Amino acid sequence: MEWTGVRYVDQPTVEVRTWIDAPPRRVWDLATDITLMPDRSGELRAVEWLDGAAAPARGARFAGHNAHEAFGAWTTTSHVVECEPPRVFGWAVTDPEHPSASWRFSLRDRDGGTELTHWMRMGPGPSGLSLAIERAPEKEQKIVFVRMRELERGMSATLDTIKALAEGDA
């Protein structure tokens, strides 16, 4: 990721992608299994479906319990806002109408396998990053840039894990 100079209000995004030698349905099953997410993330410690949900569906909710060296521990509630098997799985963190972040997996059948894209956007709602920016507003662009790089690394690791599982290497 290169320096962009964006601020939180700009709703910066990160996108990473990989090609997986497995059919979209296999990749879908892994990308949407939220119980696997803690194994794929450096921050997410535990996750569970809420309100009796057991699988991804539009309107379903799940709780994520996170920890980060600089931000401490926190829990969020995510709302599934996109669910089109086996193409798109997206969720909004905290408030689906004004999320602190939006996340998405997109799958595309390509060259006998699957192109998997992982995308996220900060804001527009406030988040833990908002608090860091409030404490040091003169460093906002650097704070956002560092966080976006962290997220990019984590998202790439997530794709690597899904690829290894889908291809049978893990």
C-alpha atoms as a PDB file:
ATOM      1  CA  MET A   1       0.000   0.000   0.000  1.00  0.00           C
ATOM      2  CA  GLU A   2       1.327   3.399  -0.943  1.00  0.00           C
ATOM      3  CA  TRP A   3       0.847   6.643   0.974  1.00  0.00           C
ATOM      4  CA  THR A   4      -2.479   8.183   0.011  1.00  0.00           C
ATOM      5  CA  GLY A   5      -2.870  10.990   2.541  1.00  0.00           C
ATOM      6  CA  VAL A   6      -6.530  10.094   3.062  1.00  0.00           C
ATOM      7  CA  ARG A   7      -8.424  10.982   6.195  1.00  0.00           C
ATOM      8  CA  TYR A   8     -11.065   8.935   8.008  1.00  0.00           C
ATOM      9  CA  VAL A   9     -13.859  11.080   6.583  1.00  0.00           C
ATOM     10  CA  ASP A  10     -12.705  10.002   3.087  1.00  0.00           C
ATOM     11  CA  GLN A  11     -13.828   6.434   3.935  1.00  0.00           C
ATOM     12  CA  PRO A  12     -10.600   4.784   2.765  1.00  0.00           C
ATOM     13  CA  THR A  13     -10.750   1.292   1.326  1.00  0.00           C
ATOM     14  CA  VAL A  14      -8.468  -1.712   1.072  1.00  0.00           C
ATOM     15  CA  GLU A  15      -8.832  -4.516  -1.460  1.00  0.00           C
ATOM     16  CA  VAL A  16      -6.772  -7.669  -1.872  1.00  0.00           C
ATOM     17  CA  ARG A  17      -7.346 -10.611  -4.172  1.00  0.00           C
ATOM     18  CA  THR A  18      -6.041 -14.042  -5.011  1.00  0.00           C
ATOM     19  CA  TRP A  19      -6.771 -16.896  -7.379  1.00  0.00           C
ATOM     20  CA  ILE A  20      -7.673 -20.217  -5.767  1.00  0.00           C
ATOM     21  CA  ASP A  21      -7.519 -23.588  -7.469  1.00  0.00           C
ATOM     22  CA  ALA A  22     -10.928 -24.662  -6.166  1.00  0.00           C
ATOM     23  CA  PRO A  23     -14.529 -24.137  -7.271  1.00  0.00           C
ATOM     24  CA  PRO A  24     -16.441 -21.095  -5.986  1.00  0.00           C
ATOM     25  CA  ARG A  25     -18.748 -23.232  -3.809  1.00  0.00           C
ATOM     26  CA  ARG A  26     -15.779 -24.628  -1.850  1.00  0.00           C
ATOM     27  CA  VAL A  27     -14.280 -21.148  -1.443  1.00  0.00           C
ATOM     28  CA  TRP A  28     -17.699 -19.756  -0.464  1.00  0.00           C
ATOM     29  CA  ASP A  29     -18.074 -22.325   2.308  1.00  0.00           C
ATOM     30  CA  LEU A  30     -14.732 -21.244   3.782  1.00  0.00           C
ATOM     31  CA  ALA A  31     -15.120 -17.488   3.290  1.00  0.00           C
ATOM     32  CA  THR A  32     -18.537 -17.460   4.964  1.00  0.00           C
ATOM     33  CA  ASP A  33     -17.669 -19.730   7.891  1.00  0.00           C
ATOM     34  CA  ILE A  34     -17.333 -17.042  10.542  1.00  0.00           C
ATOM     35  CA  THR A  35     -16.173 -19.619  13.094  1.00  0.00           C
ATOM     36  CA  LEU A  36     -12.942 -19.889  11.085  1.00  0.00           C
ATOM     37  CA  MET A  37     -12.358 -16.120  11.137  1.00  0.00           C
ATOM     38  CA  PRO A  38     -10.374 -15.999  14.413  1.00  0.00           C
ATOM     39  CA  ASP A  39      -7.864 -18.470  12.941  1.00  0.00           C
ATOM     40  CA  ARG A  40      -7.398 -16.142   9.969  1.00  0.00           C
ATOM     41  CA  SER A  41      -7.054 -12.849  11.830  1.00  0.00           C
ATOM     42  CA  GLY A  42      -4.431 -11.269  14.010  1.00  0.00           C
ATOM     43  CA  GLU A  43      -7.082  -9.260  15.888  1.00  0.00           C
ATOM     44  CA  LEU A  44     -10.263 -11.283  15.972  1.00  0.00           C
ATOM     45  CA  ARG A  45     -10.221 -13.587  18.999  1.00  0.00           C
ATOM     46  CA  ALA A  46     -13.709 -15.123  18.903  1.00  0.00           C
ATOM     47  CA  VAL A  47     -16.908 -14.810  16.902  1.00  0.00           C
ATOM     48  CA  GLU A  48     -20.420 -16.196  17.194  1.00  0.00           C
ATOM     49  CA  TRP A  49     -23.732 -15.910  15.421  1.00  0.00           C
ATOM     50  CA  LEU A  50     -26.440 -13.979  17.284  1.00  0.00           C
ATOM     51  CA  ASP A  51     -30.223 -14.288  17.493  1.00  0.00           C
ATOM     52  CA  GLY A  52     -30.218 -18.017  16.715  1.00  0.00           C
ATOM     53  CA  ALA A  53     -28.526 -17.623  13.322  1.00  0.00           C
ATOM     54  CA  ALA A  54     -26.259 -20.488  12.286  1.00  0.00           C
ATOM     55  CA  ALA A  55     -25.236 -19.526   8.766  1.00  0.00           C
ATOM     56  CA  PRO A  56     -24.822 -16.418   6.623  1.00  0.00           C
ATOM     57  CA  ALA A  57     -28.047 -14.814   5.467  1.00  0.00           C
ATOM     58  CA  ARG A  58     -29.012 -11.227   4.773  1.00  0.00           C
ATOM     59  CA  GLY A  59     -30.035  -9.643   8.085  1.00  0.00           C
ATOM     60  CA  ALA A  60     -28.166 -12.163  10.264  1.00  0.00           C
ATOM     61  CA  ARG A  61     -25.899 -10.760  12.960  1.00  0.00           C
ATOM     62  CA  PHE A  62     -22.688 -11.935  14.569  1.00  0.00           C
ATOM     63  CA  ALA A  63     -20.495 -10.687  17.402  1.00  0.00           C
ATOM     64  CA  GLY A  64     -16.752 -10.331  17.015  1.00  0.00           C
ATOM     65  CA  HIS A  65     -14.425 -10.128  20.011  1.00  0.00           C
ATOM     66  CA  ASN A  66     -11.187  -8.349  19.104  1.00  0.00           C
ATOM     67  CA  ALA A  67      -7.887  -7.336  20.658  1.00  0.00           C
ATOM     68  CA  HIS A  68      -5.129  -5.064  19.367  1.00  0.00           C
ATOM     69  CA  GLU A  69      -1.923  -3.925  21.013  1.00  0.00           C
ATOM     70  CA  ALA A  70      -2.695  -0.225  20.475  1.00  0.00           C
ATOM     71  CA  PHE A  71      -6.499  -0.257  20.787  1.00  0.00           C
ATOM     72  CA  GLY A  72      -7.088  -2.803  23.566  1.00  0.00           C
ATOM     73  CA  ALA A  73     -10.002  -5.240  23.528  1.00  0.00           C
ATOM     74  CA  TRP A  74     -13.463  -4.609  22.107  1.00  0.00           C
ATOM     75  CA  THR A  75     -16.551  -6.374  20.824  1.00  0.00           C
ATOM     76  CA  THR A  76     -18.555  -5.421  17.752  1.00  0.00           C
ATOM     77  CA  THR A  77     -21.827  -6.557  16.267  1.00  0.00           C
ATOM     78  CA  SER A  78     -21.818  -7.083  12.518  1.00  0.00           C
ATOM     79  CA  HIS A  79     -24.868  -7.217  10.269  1.00  0.00           C
ATOM     80  CA  VAL A  80     -24.884  -9.310   7.091  1.00  0.00           C
ATOM     81  CA  VAL A  81     -25.894  -6.843   4.383  1.00  0.00           C
ATOM     82  CA  GLU A  82     -25.019  -8.900   1.287  1.00  0.00           C
ATOM     83  CA  CYS A  83     -25.395 -12.637   0.868  1.00  0.00           C
ATOM     84  CA  GLU A  84     -25.565 -14.048  -2.650  1.00  0.00           C
ATOM     85  CA  PRO A  85     -24.138 -17.594  -2.603  1.00  0.00           C
ATOM     86  CA  PRO A  86     -21.588 -18.283  -3.979  1.00  0.00           C
ATOM     87  CA  ARG A  87     -20.740 -14.753  -5.128  1.00  0.00           C
ATOM     88  CA  VAL A  88     -20.899 -12.090  -2.391  1.00  0.00           C
ATOM     89  CA  PHE A  89     -20.779 -12.065   1.419  1.00  0.00           C
ATOM     90  CA  GLY A  90     -20.739  -8.614   2.989  1.00  0.00           C
ATOM     91  CA  TRP A  91     -21.251  -7.221   6.465  1.00  0.00           C
ATOM     92  CA  ALA A  92     -21.485  -3.839   8.149  1.00  0.00           C
ATOM     93  CA  VAL A  93     -19.976  -3.301  11.588  1.00  0.00           C
ATOM     94  CA  THR A  94     -22.079  -1.755  14.361  1.00  0.00           C
ATOM     95  CA  ASP A  95     -24.838  -0.009  12.391  1.00  0.00           C
ATOM     96  CA  PRO A  96     -25.815  -1.235   8.916  1.00  0.00           C
ATOM     97  CA  GLU A  97     -27.015   2.252   7.955  1.00  0.00           C
ATOM     98  CA  HIS A  98     -23.948   4.105   9.292  1.00  0.00           C
ATOM     99  CA  PRO A  99     -21.241   1.432   9.786  1.00  0.00           C
ATOM    100  CA  SER A 100     -17.897   1.911  11.447  1.00  0.00           C
ATOM    101  CA  ALA A 101     -16.589  -0.386   8.699  1.00  0.00           C
ATOM    102  CA  SER A 102     -17.939  -2.444   5.826  1.00  0.00           C
ATOM    103  CA  TRP A 103     -16.380  -5.738   4.719  1.00  0.00           C
ATOM    104  CA  ARG A 104     -16.964  -7.999   1.721  1.00  0.00           C
ATOM    105  CA  PHE A 105     -15.790 -11.211   0.114  1.00  0.00           C
ATOM    106  CA  SER A 106     -16.491 -11.415  -3.626  1.00  0.00           C
ATOM    107  CA  LEU A 107     -16.006 -14.631  -5.585  1.00  0.00           C
ATOM    108  CA  ARG A 108     -15.729 -15.017  -9.345  1.00  0.00           C
ATOM    109  CA  ASP A 109     -15.396 -18.231 -11.324  1.00  0.00           C
ATOM    110  CA  ARG A 110     -12.158 -17.782 -13.280  1.00  0.00           C
ATOM    111  CA  ASP A 111      -9.790 -20.087 -15.177  1.00  0.00           C
ATOM    112  CA  GLY A 112     -11.166 -23.278 -13.618  1.00  0.00           C
ATOM    113  CA  GLY A 113     -10.919 -21.884 -10.086  1.00  0.00           C
ATOM    114  CA  THR A 114     -12.045 -18.897  -8.080  1.00  0.00           C
ATOM    115  CA  GLU A 115     -10.860 -15.329  -7.919  1.00  0.00           C
ATOM    116  CA  LEU A 116     -11.458 -14.257  -4.314  1.00  0.00           C
ATOM    117  CA  THR A 117     -11.472 -10.568  -3.422  1.00  0.00           C
ATOM    118  CA  HIS A 118     -11.508  -9.249   0.138  1.00  0.00           C
ATOM    119  CA  TRP A 119     -12.543  -5.596   0.471  1.00  0.00           C
ATOM    120  CA  MET A 120     -13.143  -3.232   3.363  1.00  0.00           C
ATOM    121  CA  ARG A 121     -14.071   0.420   3.840  1.00  0.00           C
ATOM    122  CA  MET A 122     -13.633   2.508   6.985  1.00  0.00           C
ATOM    123  CA  GLY A 123     -16.565   4.559   8.205  1.00  0.00           C
ATOM    124  CA  PRO A 124     -18.582   6.565   7.795  1.00  0.00           C
ATOM    125  CA  GLY A 125     -19.607   5.838  11.399  1.00  0.00           C
ATOM    126  CA  PRO A 126     -17.120   6.291  14.242  1.00  0.00           C
ATOM    127  CA  SER A 127     -14.802   3.502  15.341  1.00  0.00           C
ATOM    128  CA  GLY A 128     -11.900   2.924  17.694  1.00  0.00           C
ATOM    129  CA  LEU A 129      -9.718   4.626  15.113  1.00  0.00           C
ATOM    130  CA  SER A 130     -11.872   7.726  15.496  1.00  0.00           C
ATOM    131  CA  LEU A 131     -10.818   7.917  19.139  1.00  0.00           C
ATOM    132  CA  ALA A 132      -7.130   7.712  18.218  1.00  0.00           C
ATOM    133  CA  ILE A 133      -7.625  10.510  15.680  1.00  0.00           C
ATOM    134  CA  GLU A 134      -9.452  12.681  18.237  1.00  0.00           C
ATOM    135  CA  ARG A 135      -6.445  12.344  20.572  1.00  0.00           C
ATOM    136  CA  ALA A 136      -3.938  13.330  17.867  1.00  0.00           C
ATOM    137  CA  PRO A 137      -5.778  15.108  15.023  1.00  0.00           C
ATOM    138  CA  GLU A 138      -2.535  16.428  13.559  1.00  0.00           C
ATOM    139  CA  LYS A 139      -1.529  12.793  12.889  1.00  0.00           C
ATOM    140  CA  GLU A 140      -4.815  11.692  11.302  1.00  0.00           C
ATOM    141  CA  GLN A 141      -3.406  10.857   7.862  1.00  0.00           C
ATOM    142  CA  LYS A 142      -0.578   8.819   9.379  1.00  0.00           C
ATOM    143  CA  ILE A 143      -2.950   7.024  11.778  1.00  0.00           C
ATOM    144  CA  VAL A 144      -5.269   6.097   8.905  1.00  0.00           C
ATOM    145  CA  PHE A 145      -2.371   5.021   6.665  1.00  0.00           C
ATOM    146  CA  VAL A 146      -0.803   2.791   9.333  1.00  0.00           C
ATOM    147  CA  ARG A 147      -4.167   1.189  10.102  1.00  0.00           C
ATOM    148  CA  MET A 148      -4.917   0.595   6.422  1.00  0.00           C
ATOM    149  CA  ARG A 149      -1.540  -1.117   5.980  1.00  0.00           C
ATOM    150  CA  GLU A 150      -2.264  -3.310   9.014  1.00  0.00           C
ATOM    151  CA  LEU A 151      -5.645  -4.248   7.600  1.00  0.00           C
ATOM    152  CA  GLU A 152      -4.151  -4.984   4.191  1.00  0.00           C
ATOM    153  CA  ARG A 153      -1.626  -7.390   5.748  1.00  0.00           C
ATOM    154  CA  GLY A 154      -4.357  -9.097   7.774  1.00  0.00           C
ATOM    155  CA  MET A 155      -6.662  -9.395   4.791  1.00  0.00           C
ATOM    156  CA  SER A 156      -3.867 -10.889   2.676  1.00  0.00           C
ATOM    157  CA  ALA A 157      -3.196 -13.436   5.423  1.00  0.00           C
ATOM    158  CA  THR A 158      -6.906 -14.267   5.476  1.00  0.00           C
ATOM    159  CA  LEU A 159      -6.892 -14.934   1.734  1.00  0.00           C
ATOM    160  CA  ASP A 160      -3.750 -17.048   2.071  1.00  0.00           C
ATOM    161  CA  THR A 161      -5.475 -19.174   4.719  1.00  0.00           C
ATOM    162  CA  ILE A 162      -8.658 -19.601   2.686  1.00  0.00           C
ATOM    163  CA  LYS A 163      -6.565 -20.528  -0.362  1.00  0.00           C
ATOM    164  CA  ALA A 164      -4.595 -23.136   1.588  1.00  0.00           C
ATOM    165  CA  LEU A 165      -7.764 -24.658   3.057  1.00  0.00           C
ATOM    166  CA  ALA A 166      -9.636 -24.665  -0.267  1.00  0.00           C
ATOM    167  CA  GLU A 167      -6.705 -26.216  -2.117  1.00  0.00           C
ATOM    168  CA  GLY A 168      -6.193 -28.792   0.620  1.00  0.00           C
ATOM    169  CA  ASP A 169      -2.775 -27.502   1.762  1.00  0.00           C
ATOM    170  CA  ALA A 170      -3.790 -26.754   5.357  1.00  0.00           C
END
